[in-house]
Amino acid sequence: MGVVISLEKVRAKRPERRRPTDPSVDPAFVTAWEAIFEALELVETIPLPKTARARELLLQGLGVMLEMEKRRLSQCSKR
């Protein structure tokens, strides 16, 4: 007769492996990105002086988000 090996027991004995994280997907970034683009669409459809300022601020926010994401991706690629 053969020996039955339990895969669960073998896996439990192994040191835990870290799953590689996917640096290209950050749910918080996607959520914020979608909200900002929705706000941009609204701001661009209402031509008022205050909406022009809101558009500038939204574009600045997008710039900051993109810089942060570039830094995060470069840190992930160094690992």
PDB file of N, CA and C in Angstrom:
ATOM      1  N   MET A   1       0.843  -1.195   0.000  1.00  0.00           N
ATOM      2  CA  MET A   1       0.000   0.000   0.000  1.00  0.00           C
ATOM      3  C   MET A   1       0.882   1.251   0.000  1.00  0.00           C
ATOM      4  N   GLY A   2       0.349   2.277  -0.586  1.00  0.00           N
ATOM      5  CA  GLY A   2       1.073   3.536  -0.650  1.00  0.00           C
ATOM      6  C   GLY A   2       0.788   4.419   0.557  1.00  0.00           C
ATOM      7  N   VAL A   3       1.571   5.442   0.675  1.00  0.00           N
ATOM      8  CA  VAL A   3       1.414   6.414   1.756  1.00  0.00           C
ATOM      9  C   VAL A   3       0.563   7.564   1.240  1.00  0.00           C
ATOM     10  N   VAL A   4      -0.432   7.938   2.025  1.00  0.00           N
ATOM     11  CA  VAL A   4      -1.291   9.053   1.663  1.00  0.00           C
ATOM     12  C   VAL A   4      -0.702  10.324   2.258  1.00  0.00           C
ATOM     13  N   ILE A   5      -0.506  11.318   1.405  1.00  0.00           N
ATOM     14  CA  ILE A   5       0.059  12.593   1.853  1.00  0.00           C
ATOM     15  C   ILE A   5      -1.035  13.643   1.821  1.00  0.00           C
ATOM     16  N   SER A   6      -1.195  14.340   2.934  1.00  0.00           N
ATOM     17  CA  SER A   6      -2.174  15.421   3.001  1.00  0.00           C
ATOM     18  C   SER A   6      -1.505  16.720   2.552  1.00  0.00           C
ATOM     19  N   LEU A   7      -2.000  17.296   1.475  1.00  0.00           N
ATOM     20  CA  LEU A   7      -1.438  18.555   0.986  1.00  0.00           C
ATOM     21  C   LEU A   7      -1.604  19.682   1.995  1.00  0.00           C
ATOM     22  N   GLU A   8      -2.699  19.662   2.723  1.00  0.00           N
ATOM     23  CA  GLU A   8      -2.926  20.698   3.735  1.00  0.00           C
ATOM     24  C   GLU A   8      -1.850  20.652   4.810  1.00  0.00           C
ATOM     25  N   LYS A   9      -1.474  19.428   5.240  1.00  0.00           N
ATOM     26  CA  LYS A   9      -0.438  19.299   6.271  1.00  0.00           C
ATOM     27  C   LYS A   9       0.921  19.732   5.732  1.00  0.00           C
ATOM     28  N   VAL A  10       1.216  19.397   4.484  1.00  0.00           N
ATOM     29  CA  VAL A  10       2.486  19.799   3.884  1.00  0.00           C
ATOM     30  C   VAL A  10       2.547  21.308   3.759  1.00  0.00           C
ATOM     31  N   ARG A  11       1.465  21.907   3.300  1.00  0.00           N
ATOM     32  CA  ARG A  11       1.435  23.372   3.159  1.00  0.00           C
ATOM     33  C   ARG A  11       1.540  24.056   4.508  1.00  0.00           C
ATOM     34  N   ALA A  12       0.934  23.464   5.537  1.00  0.00           N
ATOM     35  CA  ALA A  12       0.988  24.061   6.872  1.00  0.00           C
ATOM     36  C   ALA A  12       2.413  24.053   7.418  1.00  0.00           C
ATOM     37  N   LYS A  13       3.214  23.086   7.027  1.00  0.00           N
ATOM     38  CA  LYS A  13       4.591  22.996   7.517  1.00  0.00           C
ATOM     39  C   LYS A  13       5.520  23.974   6.809  1.00  0.00           C
ATOM     40  N   ARG A  14       5.177  24.361   5.600  1.00  0.00           N
ATOM     41  CA  ARG A  14       6.012  25.276   4.836  1.00  0.00           C
ATOM     42  C   ARG A  14       5.953  26.676   5.433  1.00  0.00           C
ATOM     43  N   PRO A  15       7.051  27.424   5.324  1.00  0.00           N
ATOM     44  CA  PRO A  15       6.972  28.825   5.742  1.00  0.00           C
ATOM     45  C   PRO A  15       6.022  29.576   4.819  1.00  0.00           C
ATOM     46  N   GLU A  16       5.332  30.505   5.400  1.00  0.00           N
ATOM     47  CA  GLU A  16       4.334  31.244   4.623  1.00  0.00           C
ATOM     48  C   GLU A  16       5.014  32.079   3.545  1.00  0.00           C
ATOM     49  N   ARG A  17       4.528  31.953   2.344  1.00  0.00           N
ATOM     50  CA  ARG A  17       5.058  32.745   1.235  1.00  0.00           C
ATOM     51  C   ARG A  17       4.218  33.994   1.071  1.00  0.00           C
ATOM     52  N   ARG A  18       4.898  35.070   0.754  1.00  0.00           N
ATOM     53  CA  ARG A  18       4.172  36.309   0.471  1.00  0.00           C
ATOM     54  C   ARG A  18       3.661  36.247  -0.951  1.00  0.00           C
ATOM     55  N   ARG A  19       2.434  36.583  -1.094  1.00  0.00           N
ATOM     56  CA  ARG A  19       1.886  36.670  -2.445  1.00  0.00           C
ATOM     57  C   ARG A  19       2.374  37.962  -3.068  1.00  0.00           C
ATOM     58  N   PRO A  20       2.813  37.894  -4.293  1.00  0.00           N
ATOM     59  CA  PRO A  20       3.250  39.140  -4.927  1.00  0.00           C
ATOM     60  C   PRO A  20       2.056  40.076  -5.121  1.00  0.00           C
ATOM     61  N   THR A  21       2.253  41.309  -4.766  1.00  0.00           N
ATOM     62  CA  THR A  21       1.176  42.279  -4.930  1.00  0.00           C
ATOM     63  C   THR A  21       1.226  42.833  -6.345  1.00  0.00           C
ATOM     64  N   ASP A  22       0.084  43.136  -6.842  1.00  0.00           N
ATOM     65  CA  ASP A  22       0.000  43.707  -8.180  1.00  0.00           C
ATOM     66  C   ASP A  22       0.119  45.217  -8.037  1.00  0.00           C
ATOM     67  N   PRO A  23       1.265  45.780  -8.386  1.00  0.00           N
ATOM     68  CA  PRO A  23       1.455  47.220  -8.189  1.00  0.00           C
ATOM     69  C   PRO A  23       0.623  48.075  -9.130  1.00  0.00           C
ATOM     70  N   SER A  24       0.057  47.463 -10.159  1.00  0.00           N
ATOM     71  CA  SER A  24      -0.677  48.266 -11.127  1.00  0.00           C
ATOM     72  C   SER A  24      -2.110  48.561 -10.699  1.00  0.00           C
ATOM     73  N   VAL A  25      -2.588  47.912  -9.646  1.00  0.00           N
ATOM     74  CA  VAL A  25      -3.973  48.108  -9.228  1.00  0.00           C
ATOM     75  C   VAL A  25      -4.002  48.568  -7.770  1.00  0.00           C
ATOM     76  N   ASP A  26      -4.464  49.765  -7.561  1.00  0.00           N
ATOM     77  CA  ASP A  26      -4.666  50.289  -6.219  1.00  0.00           C
ATOM     78  C   ASP A  26      -6.112  50.753  -6.151  1.00  0.00           C
ATOM     79  N   PRO A  27      -6.974  50.025  -5.436  1.00  0.00           N
ATOM     80  CA  PRO A  27      -8.397  50.359  -5.408  1.00  0.00           C
ATOM     81  C   PRO A  27      -8.684  51.793  -4.955  1.00  0.00           C
ATOM     82  N   ALA A  28      -7.919  52.296  -4.009  1.00  0.00           N
ATOM     83  CA  ALA A  28      -8.143  53.668  -3.535  1.00  0.00           C
ATOM     84  C   ALA A  28      -7.853  54.677  -4.645  1.00  0.00           C
ATOM     85  N   PHE A  29      -6.809  54.407  -5.412  1.00  0.00           N
ATOM     86  CA  PHE A  29      -6.460  55.295  -6.518  1.00  0.00           C
ATOM     87  C   PHE A  29      -7.560  55.299  -7.574  1.00  0.00           C
ATOM     88  N   VAL A  30      -8.068  54.129  -7.906  1.00  0.00           N
ATOM     89  CA  VAL A  30      -9.131  54.017  -8.911  1.00  0.00           C
ATOM     90  C   VAL A  30     -10.388  54.745  -8.447  1.00  0.00           C
ATOM     91  N   THR A  31     -10.751  54.572  -7.177  1.00  0.00           N
ATOM     92  CA  THR A  31     -11.943  55.225  -6.625  1.00  0.00           C
ATOM     93  C   THR A  31     -11.805  56.740  -6.679  1.00  0.00           C
ATOM     94  N   ALA A  32     -10.662  57.247  -6.253  1.00  0.00           N
ATOM     95  CA  ALA A  32     -10.440  58.697  -6.265  1.00  0.00           C
ATOM     96  C   ALA A  32     -10.407  59.229  -7.695  1.00  0.00           C
ATOM     97  N   TRP A  33      -9.769  58.483  -8.572  1.00  0.00           N
ATOM     98  CA  TRP A  33      -9.667  58.888  -9.985  1.00  0.00           C
ATOM     99  C   TRP A  33     -11.053  59.023 -10.607  1.00  0.00           C
ATOM    100  N   GLU A  34     -11.914  58.045 -10.367  1.00  0.00           N
ATOM    101  CA  GLU A  34     -13.267  58.088 -10.933  1.00  0.00           C
ATOM    102  C   GLU A  34     -14.054  59.272 -10.390  1.00  0.00           C
ATOM    103  N   ALA A  35     -13.928  59.529  -9.093  1.00  0.00           N
ATOM    104  CA  ALA A  35     -14.654  60.654  -8.489  1.00  0.00           C
ATOM    105  C   ALA A  35     -14.176  61.989  -9.056  1.00  0.00           C
ATOM    106  N   ILE A  36     -12.883  62.139  -9.236  1.00  0.00           N
ATOM    107  CA  ILE A  36     -12.350  63.394  -9.768  1.00  0.00           C
ATOM    108  C   ILE A  36     -12.793  63.602 -11.218  1.00  0.00           C
ATOM    109  N   PHE A  37     -12.778  62.536 -12.014  1.00  0.00           N
ATOM    110  CA  PHE A  37     -13.225  62.681 -13.399  1.00  0.00           C
ATOM    111  C   PHE A  37     -14.712  62.998 -13.484  1.00  0.00           C
ATOM    112  N   GLU A  38     -15.489  62.424 -12.600  1.00  0.00           N
ATOM    113  CA  GLU A  38     -16.921  62.750 -12.580  1.00  0.00           C
ATOM    114  C   GLU A  38     -17.117  64.223 -12.220  1.00  0.00           C
ATOM    115  N   ALA A  39     -16.348  64.697 -11.247  1.00  0.00           N
ATOM    116  CA  ALA A  39     -16.428  66.104 -10.860  1.00  0.00           C
ATOM    117  C   ALA A  39     -15.980  67.005 -12.013  1.00  0.00           C
ATOM    118  N   LEU A  40     -14.945  66.605 -12.725  1.00  0.00           N
ATOM    119  CA  LEU A  40     -14.493  67.396 -13.877  1.00  0.00           C
ATOM    120  C   LEU A  40     -15.574  67.503 -14.941  1.00  0.00           C
ATOM    121  N   GLU A  41     -16.255  66.408 -15.197  1.00  0.00           N
ATOM    122  CA  GLU A  41     -17.343  66.442 -16.181  1.00  0.00           C
ATOM    123  C   GLU A  41     -18.428  67.419 -15.763  1.00  0.00           C
ATOM    124  N   LEU A  42     -18.772  67.404 -14.478  1.00  0.00           N
ATOM    125  CA  LEU A  42     -19.801  68.332 -13.985  1.00  0.00           C
ATOM    126  C   LEU A  42     -19.338  69.776 -14.082  1.00  0.00           C
ATOM    127  N   VAL A  43     -18.102  70.026 -13.690  1.00  0.00           N
ATOM    128  CA  VAL A  43     -17.563  71.384 -13.701  1.00  0.00           C
ATOM    129  C   VAL A  43     -17.472  71.930 -15.123  1.00  0.00           C
ATOM    130  N   GLU A  44     -17.119  71.089 -16.070  1.00  0.00           N
ATOM    131  CA  GLU A  44     -16.958  71.558 -17.442  1.00  0.00           C
ATOM    132  C   GLU A  44     -18.284  71.828 -18.140  1.00  0.00           C
ATOM    133  N   THR A  45     -19.390  71.291 -17.606  1.00  0.00           N
ATOM    134  CA  THR A  45     -20.695  71.535 -18.234  1.00  0.00           C
ATOM    135  C   THR A  45     -21.361  72.797 -17.711  1.00  0.00           C
ATOM    136  N   ILE A  46     -20.857  73.354 -16.612  1.00  0.00           N
ATOM    137  CA  ILE A  46     -21.449  74.559 -16.028  1.00  0.00           C
ATOM    138  C   ILE A  46     -20.438  75.708 -16.148  1.00  0.00           C
ATOM    139  N   PRO A  47     -20.575  76.562 -17.135  1.00  0.00           N
ATOM    140  CA  PRO A  47     -19.601  77.637 -17.343  1.00  0.00           C
ATOM    141  C   PRO A  47     -19.825  78.836 -16.414  1.00  0.00           C
ATOM    142  N   LEU A  48     -19.271  78.778 -15.231  1.00  0.00           N
ATOM    143  CA  LEU A  48     -19.323  79.889 -14.278  1.00  0.00           C
ATOM    144  C   LEU A  48     -17.903  80.206 -13.829  1.00  0.00           C
ATOM    145  N   PRO A  49     -17.675  81.422 -13.332  1.00  0.00           N
ATOM    146  CA  PRO A  49     -16.325  81.760 -12.860  1.00  0.00           C
ATOM    147  C   PRO A  49     -15.828  80.822 -11.754  1.00  0.00           C
ATOM    148  N   LYS A  50     -16.709  80.442 -10.843  1.00  0.00           N
ATOM    149  CA  LYS A  50     -16.296  79.563  -9.744  1.00  0.00           C
ATOM    150  C   LYS A  50     -15.993  78.149 -10.243  1.00  0.00           C
ATOM    151  N   THR A  51     -16.669  77.709 -11.267  1.00  0.00           N
ATOM    152  CA  THR A  51     -16.396  76.371 -11.781  1.00  0.00           C
ATOM    153  C   THR A  51     -15.042  76.320 -12.491  1.00  0.00           C
ATOM    154  N   ALA A  52     -14.603  77.453 -13.038  1.00  0.00           N
ATOM    155  CA  ALA A  52     -13.277  77.499 -13.654  1.00  0.00           C
ATOM    156  C   ALA A  52     -12.207  77.271 -12.583  1.00  0.00           C
ATOM    157  N   ARG A  53     -12.400  77.884 -11.428  1.00  0.00           N
ATOM    158  CA  ARG A  53     -11.458  77.685 -10.310  1.00  0.00           C
ATOM    159  C   ARG A  53     -11.538  76.240  -9.812  1.00  0.00           C
ATOM    160  N   ALA A  54     -12.725  75.690  -9.748  1.00  0.00           N
ATOM    161  CA  ALA A  54     -12.891  74.307  -9.310  1.00  0.00           C
ATOM    162  C   ALA A  54     -12.178  73.364 -10.284  1.00  0.00           C
ATOM    163  N   ARG A  55     -12.261  73.664 -11.557  1.00  0.00           N
ATOM    164  CA  ARG A  55     -11.586  72.842 -12.570  1.00  0.00           C
ATOM    165  C   ARG A  55     -10.077  72.872 -12.364  1.00  0.00           C
ATOM    166  N   GLU A  56      -9.530  74.064 -12.110  1.00  0.00           N
ATOM    167  CA  GLU A  56      -8.094  74.185 -11.847  1.00  0.00           C
ATOM    168  C   GLU A  56      -7.680  73.351 -10.639  1.00  0.00           C
ATOM    169  N   LEU A  57      -8.476  73.412  -9.581  1.00  0.00           N
ATOM    170  CA  LEU A  57      -8.161  72.652  -8.366  1.00  0.00           C
ATOM    171  C   LEU A  57      -8.244  71.145  -8.611  1.00  0.00           C
ATOM    172  N   LEU A  58      -9.243  70.732  -9.372  1.00  0.00           N
ATOM    173  CA  LEU A  58      -9.359  69.310  -9.693  1.00  0.00           C
ATOM    174  C   LEU A  58      -8.158  68.833 -10.511  1.00  0.00           C
ATOM    175  N   LEU A  59      -7.724  69.642 -11.460  1.00  0.00           N
ATOM    176  CA  LEU A  59      -6.565  69.270 -12.265  1.00  0.00           C
ATOM    177  C   LEU A  59      -5.294  69.222 -11.417  1.00  0.00           C
ATOM    178  N   GLN A  60      -5.165  70.125 -10.456  1.00  0.00           N
ATOM    179  CA  GLN A  60      -4.024  70.070  -9.537  1.00  0.00           C
ATOM    180  C   GLN A  60      -4.071  68.787  -8.706  1.00  0.00           C
ATOM    181  N   GLY A  61      -5.267  68.441  -8.253  1.00  0.00           N
ATOM    182  CA  GLY A  61      -5.428  67.200  -7.484  1.00  0.00           C
ATOM    183  C   GLY A  61      -5.050  65.974  -8.304  1.00  0.00           C
ATOM    184  N   LEU A  62      -5.429  65.966  -9.580  1.00  0.00           N
ATOM    185  CA  LEU A  62      -5.048  64.867 -10.466  1.00  0.00           C
ATOM    186  C   LEU A  62      -3.525  64.788 -10.611  1.00  0.00           C
ATOM    187  N   GLY A  63      -2.899  65.936 -10.716  1.00  0.00           N
ATOM    188  CA  GLY A  63      -1.432  65.968 -10.815  1.00  0.00           C
ATOM    189  C   GLY A  63      -0.767  65.377  -9.591  1.00  0.00           C
ATOM    190  N   VAL A  64      -1.277  65.728  -8.421  1.00  0.00           N
ATOM    191  CA  VAL A  64      -0.732  65.187  -7.171  1.00  0.00           C
ATOM    192  C   VAL A  64      -0.945  63.671  -7.107  1.00  0.00           C
ATOM    193  N   MET A  65      -2.134  63.227  -7.477  1.00  0.00           N
ATOM    194  CA  MET A  65      -2.423  61.794  -7.459  1.00  0.00           C
ATOM    195  C   MET A  65      -1.502  61.037  -8.404  1.00  0.00           C
ATOM    196  N   LEU A  66      -1.280  61.580  -9.587  1.00  0.00           N
ATOM    197  CA  LEU A  66      -0.412  60.902 -10.550  1.00  0.00           C
ATOM    198  C   LEU A  66       1.025  60.829 -10.047  1.00  0.00           C
ATOM    199  N   GLU A  67       1.513  61.885  -9.418  1.00  0.00           N
ATOM    200  CA  GLU A  67       2.864  61.863  -8.852  1.00  0.00           C
ATOM    201  C   GLU A  67       2.980  60.802  -7.764  1.00  0.00           C
ATOM    202  N   MET A  68       1.975  60.746  -6.889  1.00  0.00           N
ATOM    203  CA  MET A  68       1.995  59.749  -5.815  1.00  0.00           C
ATOM    204  C   MET A  68       1.975  58.336  -6.387  1.00  0.00           C
ATOM    205  N   GLU A  69       1.174  58.128  -7.418  1.00  0.00           N
ATOM    206  CA  GLU A  69       1.073  56.801  -8.024  1.00  0.00           C
ATOM    207  C   GLU A  69       2.380  56.428  -8.726  1.00  0.00           C
ATOM    208  N   LYS A  70       3.021  57.394  -9.378  1.00  0.00           N
ATOM    209  CA  LYS A  70       4.306  57.109 -10.014  1.00  0.00           C
ATOM    210  C   LYS A  70       5.341  56.702  -8.971  1.00  0.00           C
ATOM    211  N   ARG A  71       5.371  57.405  -7.831  1.00  0.00           N
ATOM    212  CA  ARG A  71       6.308  57.046  -6.760  1.00  0.00           C
ATOM    213  C   ARG A  71       6.017  55.662  -6.213  1.00  0.00           C
ATOM    214  N   ARG A  72       4.725  55.349  -6.023  1.00  0.00           N
ATOM    215  CA  ARG A  72       4.345  54.036  -5.490  1.00  0.00           C
ATOM    216  C   ARG A  72       4.768  52.929  -6.453  1.00  0.00           C
ATOM    217  N   LEU A  73       4.519  53.141  -7.738  1.00  0.00           N
ATOM    218  CA  LEU A  73       4.883  52.128  -8.727  1.00  0.00           C
ATOM    219  C   LEU A  73       6.396  51.945  -8.817  1.00  0.00           C
ATOM    220  N   SER A  74       7.145  53.036  -8.692  1.00  0.00           N
ATOM    221  CA  SER A  74       8.602  52.897  -8.755  1.00  0.00           C
ATOM    222  C   SER A  74       9.120  52.168  -7.517  1.00  0.00           C
ATOM    223  N   GLN A  75       8.493  52.388  -6.360  1.00  0.00           N
ATOM    224  CA  GLN A  75       8.897  51.658  -5.150  1.00  0.00           C
ATOM    225  C   GLN A  75       8.555  50.178  -5.275  1.00  0.00           C
ATOM    226  N   CYS A  76       7.414  49.862  -5.863  1.00  0.00           N
ATOM    227  CA  CYS A  76       7.018  48.464  -6.039  1.00  0.00           C
ATOM    228  C   CYS A  76       7.944  47.759  -7.009  1.00  0.00           C
ATOM    229  N   SER A  77       8.410  48.465  -8.032  1.00  0.00           N
ATOM    230  CA  SER A  77       9.274  47.814  -9.023  1.00  0.00           C
ATOM    231  C   SER A  77      10.683  47.572  -8.468  1.00  0.00           C
ATOM    232  N   LYS A  78      11.082  48.316  -7.441  1.00  0.00           N
ATOM    233  CA  LYS A  78      12.408  48.126  -6.837  1.00  0.00           C
ATOM    234  C   LYS A  78      12.452  46.907  -5.925  1.00  0.00           C
ATOM    235  N   ARG A  79      11.299  46.448  -5.501  1.00  0.00           N
ATOM    236  CA  ARG A  79      11.253  45.321  -4.562  1.00  0.00           C
ATOM    237  C   ARG A  79      11.531  44.029  -5.237  1.00  0.00           C
TER     238      ARG A  79
END
